[in-house]
Amino acid sequence: MNRRADVRDTYDRIAAHFASTREYAWPEVESFLEGRTGSVGLDLGCGNCRHAELLAARCDRVVGLDVSRGLLEAGRARAADREFAVSLLQGDAAALPLREGAVGLAVYVATLHHLPTREDRLSSLNELARVLAADGAGLVSAWSTAHDRFDRDDGFDTTVEWTLPGGETVDRFYHIYAPEEFVADLEASELVLEEWELSSGNCYAVVGGEE
C-alpha cells in the first residue's frame, strides 16, 4: 500500500535531479497570479520553489511547504541564488502547520495527485480551505485522464517512473483524475470552486476558502 511516507522517501531520493529539471514556472500559474496579490502566499508542494519565486513578487511573505527535505534544500538554494524570500517548512499537505485564514494567495500544483487515498486528498483540500483567507484565492492542479499518455476514462492509481542519471528508475505514485472526478472532489471539499479547465493534460481549478 502506498503511504505518504513513501512519497516523501521517493522525492528525497530523486530530489536533486528532479529539481534540476524544474527550472521554469508553469504558464498556467503565471496566468493565475496575474493581477493577484496577497499578504501571505503559500506554495503547497513547493519543490524547488519555482512558483514561490513568483509569489514572492506579489506577497509580503511567502511560505513554501513540501514533504521532501531534499526538495526543500533545492528550494533554499534557488531562493538564495535568485534573492527572493521564502519561509520553508517540511510538512504534510493534509495537515498544514498554518493558522486558519492566514493565506491570501496559494499555489497547489502537481502535488494533490501524489496523495495515496481519496481521504488524504480531501483532507488536503479541506486544509487549503481552512488556511485560505475569506477573500483569498488558490490554484489547484492534478494530472488527468485527458493526458496523452493515458487511455482511460475513469480515475485510477498508478506509478510513473523517474529515470535518474545512469539509468536507475524510481516509481512515483500518482492518482490520475478523471476530470469530472477532480471537480467532484473539489465540490465535496470545503473549498469554493470558482472555475476549472483542462490544459496540457492537467486539471486546473481556481478556488476560494471556506464560505
Protein backbone atom coordinates (compact mmCIF):
# COMPACT_ATOMS: atom_id res chain seq x y z
CA MET A 1 0.00 0.00 0.00
CA ASN A 2 1.28 3.47 -0.89
CA ARG A 3 1.69 5.76 2.09
CA ARG A 4 2.53 9.43 2.38
CA ALA A 5 5.87 8.45 3.90
CA ASP A 6 6.64 6.53 0.71
CA VAL A 7 6.03 9.69 -1.32
CA ARG A 8 8.44 11.60 0.92
CA ASP A 9 11.12 8.92 0.60
CA THR A 10 10.71 8.77 -3.18
CA TYR A 11 11.18 12.50 -3.63
CA ASP A 12 14.09 12.67 -1.21
CA ARG A 13 15.75 10.01 -3.37
CA ILE A 14 15.29 11.88 -6.65
CA ALA A 15 15.27 15.44 -5.28
CA ALA A 16 18.48 16.83 -6.78
CA HIS A 17 17.84 15.53 -10.29
CA PHE A 18 14.12 16.29 -10.18
CA ALA A 19 14.72 19.88 -9.09
CA SER A 20 17.27 20.39 -11.87
CA THR A 21 14.58 19.64 -14.47
CA ARG A 22 12.04 22.08 -12.99
CA GLU A 23 13.57 25.42 -13.89
CA TYR A 24 10.59 27.35 -15.17
CA ALA A 25 7.19 28.25 -13.74
CA TRP A 26 4.11 26.78 -15.38
CA PRO A 27 2.32 29.26 -17.67
CA GLU A 28 -0.99 28.35 -16.01
CA VAL A 29 0.45 29.51 -12.69
CA GLU A 30 1.69 32.74 -14.26
CA SER A 31 -1.76 33.37 -15.70
CA PHE A 32 -3.47 32.67 -12.36
CA LEU A 33 -1.18 35.06 -10.48
CA GLU A 34 -1.55 37.90 -12.97
CA GLY A 35 -3.24 40.80 -11.22
CA ARG A 36 -3.43 38.98 -7.87
CA THR A 37 -1.63 39.87 -4.62
CA GLY A 38 -1.80 38.74 -1.01
CA SER A 39 -0.23 39.42 2.35
CA VAL A 40 0.83 35.76 2.73
CA GLY A 41 1.45 33.45 -0.21
CA LEU A 42 1.60 29.66 0.05
CA ASP A 43 3.38 27.34 -2.37
CA LEU A 44 1.97 23.97 -1.30
CA GLY A 45 4.16 21.14 -2.58
CA CYS A 46 6.76 23.79 -3.36
CA GLY A 47 9.52 21.54 -4.70
CA ASN A 48 12.39 23.75 -5.81
CA CYS A 49 10.34 26.94 -5.21
CA ARG A 50 9.94 27.96 -8.85
CA HIS A 51 6.39 29.10 -8.05
CA ALA A 52 7.30 30.52 -4.65
CA GLU A 53 9.58 32.84 -6.59
CA LEU A 54 6.55 34.21 -8.45
CA LEU A 55 4.58 34.55 -5.22
CA ALA A 56 7.46 36.47 -3.63
CA ALA A 57 6.94 39.27 -6.16
CA ARG A 58 3.24 39.54 -5.20
CA CYS A 59 3.08 38.81 -1.47
CA ASP A 60 4.57 40.36 1.66
CA ARG A 61 5.58 36.92 2.91
CA VAL A 62 5.77 33.51 1.21
CA VAL A 63 5.64 30.08 2.81
CA GLY A 64 6.82 27.03 0.87
CA LEU A 65 5.79 23.63 2.20
CA ASP A 66 6.93 20.24 0.94
CA VAL A 67 7.15 16.74 2.38
CA SER A 68 10.64 16.22 0.92
CA ARG A 69 13.63 17.64 2.77
CA GLY A 70 15.72 17.17 -0.36
CA LEU A 71 13.40 19.34 -2.43
CA LEU A 72 13.30 21.98 0.30
CA GLU A 73 17.09 22.15 0.14
CA ALA A 74 16.82 22.74 -3.60
CA GLY A 75 14.25 25.47 -2.91
CA ARG A 76 16.51 27.09 -0.34
CA ALA A 77 19.37 27.14 -2.84
CA ARG A 78 17.16 28.69 -5.54
CA ALA A 79 15.92 31.39 -3.17
CA ALA A 80 19.47 32.27 -2.17
CA ASP A 81 20.69 32.30 -5.77
CA ARG A 82 17.79 34.42 -7.05
CA GLU A 83 17.49 36.57 -3.95
CA PHE A 84 13.85 36.10 -3.02
CA ALA A 85 12.48 35.44 0.44
CA VAL A 86 10.57 32.27 1.33
CA SER A 87 9.96 30.55 4.67
CA LEU A 88 10.37 26.81 4.10
CA LEU A 89 8.54 24.13 6.08
CA GLN A 90 8.70 20.37 5.88
CA GLY A 91 5.15 19.17 6.34
CA ASP A 92 2.12 17.20 5.27
CA ALA A 93 -0.30 18.66 2.73
CA ALA A 94 -3.16 17.04 4.64
CA ALA A 95 -2.19 18.68 7.96
CA LEU A 96 -0.90 22.19 7.32
CA PRO A 97 1.02 23.90 10.15
CA LEU A 98 -0.66 27.25 9.41
CA ARG A 99 -3.39 29.15 11.19
CA GLU A 100 -6.92 29.48 9.85
CA GLY A 101 -7.39 32.21 7.26
CA ALA A 102 -3.69 33.10 7.13
CA VAL A 103 -3.12 32.72 3.37
CA GLY A 104 -4.19 35.23 0.76
CA LEU A 105 -2.78 33.53 -2.32
CA ALA A 106 -1.98 29.83 -2.77
CA VAL A 107 -0.48 27.66 -5.49
CA TYR A 108 -1.09 23.91 -5.11
CA VAL A 109 0.08 22.32 -8.34
CA ALA A 110 1.39 18.85 -9.26
CA THR A 111 1.07 17.59 -5.68
CA LEU A 112 -2.52 16.59 -4.90
CA HIS A 113 -2.24 13.59 -7.24
CA HIS A 114 0.63 12.16 -5.14
CA LEU A 115 -1.55 11.69 -2.04
CA PRO A 116 -2.35 7.98 -1.86
CA THR A 117 -6.02 7.89 -0.83
CA ARG A 118 -9.15 9.91 -1.56
CA GLU A 119 -9.42 10.59 2.16
CA ASP A 120 -5.92 12.11 2.12
CA ARG A 121 -6.73 14.20 -0.93
CA LEU A 122 -10.00 15.53 0.52
CA SER A 123 -8.27 16.26 3.83
CA SER A 124 -5.66 18.23 1.93
CA LEU A 125 -8.26 20.24 0.01
CA ASN A 126 -10.06 20.96 3.29
CA GLU A 127 -6.80 22.11 4.85
CA LEU A 128 -6.28 24.50 1.95
CA ALA A 129 -9.81 25.82 2.52
CA ARG A 130 -9.06 26.29 6.22
CA VAL A 131 -5.90 28.33 5.72
CA LEU A 132 -7.19 30.50 2.86
CA ALA A 133 -8.45 33.93 3.88
CA ALA A 134 -12.08 34.78 3.19
CA ASP A 135 -11.00 36.84 0.17
CA GLY A 136 -8.11 34.52 -0.72
CA ALA A 137 -7.62 32.54 -3.92
CA GLY A 138 -5.82 29.34 -4.80
CA LEU A 139 -4.87 27.37 -7.89
CA VAL A 140 -5.12 23.57 -7.63
CA SER A 141 -3.90 21.17 -10.33
CA ALA A 142 -3.64 17.41 -10.87
CA TRP A 143 -2.81 15.05 -13.71
CA SER A 144 -5.86 13.76 -15.53
CA THR A 145 -7.03 11.03 -17.87
CA ALA A 146 -7.05 13.69 -20.60
CA HIS A 147 -3.25 13.41 -20.77
CA ASP A 148 -1.95 11.86 -23.99
CA ARG A 149 -0.09 9.11 -22.13
CA PHE A 150 -3.30 7.63 -20.68
CA ASP A 151 -6.04 5.72 -22.46
CA ARG A 152 -8.68 5.51 -19.75
CA ASP A 153 -11.82 7.41 -18.88
CA ASP A 154 -12.10 6.67 -15.15
CA GLY A 155 -9.69 7.89 -12.49
CA PHE A 156 -7.09 5.36 -11.36
CA ASP A 157 -3.96 4.82 -9.27
CA THR A 158 -0.66 4.12 -10.99
CA THR A 159 3.08 4.62 -10.77
CA VAL A 160 5.16 6.69 -13.17
CA GLU A 161 8.88 6.04 -13.47
CA TRP A 162 11.51 8.71 -12.88
CA THR A 163 14.85 7.92 -14.53
CA LEU A 164 17.93 9.08 -12.68
CA PRO A 165 21.27 9.83 -14.37
CA GLY A 166 22.86 6.47 -15.00
CA GLY A 167 19.56 4.82 -15.84
CA GLU A 168 18.16 3.83 -12.44
CA THR A 169 14.38 4.17 -12.33
CA VAL A 170 12.25 5.15 -9.34
CA ASP A 171 8.48 4.62 -9.23
CA ARG A 172 6.35 7.60 -8.18
CA PHE A 173 2.74 7.14 -7.06
CA TYR A 174 0.02 9.07 -8.89
CA HIS A 175 -3.73 9.18 -8.70
CA ILE A 176 -4.81 10.10 -12.23
CA TYR A 177 -8.02 12.07 -12.01
CA ALA A 178 -10.90 11.82 -14.42
CA PRO A 179 -11.87 15.49 -14.97
CA GLU A 180 -15.35 15.01 -13.54
CA GLU A 181 -13.80 13.25 -10.51
CA PHE A 182 -11.48 16.22 -9.95
CA VAL A 183 -14.45 18.58 -9.98
CA ALA A 184 -16.43 16.27 -7.69
CA ASP A 185 -13.63 16.14 -5.11
CA LEU A 186 -13.34 19.93 -5.10
CA GLU A 187 -17.10 20.25 -4.69
CA ALA A 188 -17.04 17.68 -1.86
CA SER A 189 -14.38 19.70 -0.07
CA GLU A 190 -14.80 22.94 1.86
CA LEU A 191 -13.21 24.94 -0.95
CA VAL A 192 -15.32 27.19 -3.16
CA LEU A 193 -14.83 26.12 -6.78
CA GLU A 194 -14.80 29.26 -8.91
CA GLU A 195 -13.71 27.87 -12.28
CA TRP A 196 -11.78 24.98 -13.76
CA GLU A 197 -10.20 23.92 -17.05
CA LEU A 198 -8.12 21.27 -18.77
CA SER A 199 -4.70 22.33 -20.01
CA SER A 200 -1.87 20.12 -21.31
CA GLY A 201 -3.48 17.02 -19.83
CA ASN A 202 -3.87 18.56 -16.36
CA CYS A 203 -6.96 19.70 -14.48
CA TYR A 204 -6.71 23.22 -13.04
CA ALA A 205 -9.14 24.88 -10.68
CA VAL A 206 -9.32 28.37 -9.21
CA VAL A 207 -10.69 28.10 -5.69
CA GLY A 208 -11.61 30.22 -2.71
CA GLY A 209 -11.64 29.44 1.00
CA GLU A 210 -14.44 28.29 3.25
CA GLU A 211 -17.72 30.13 2.80
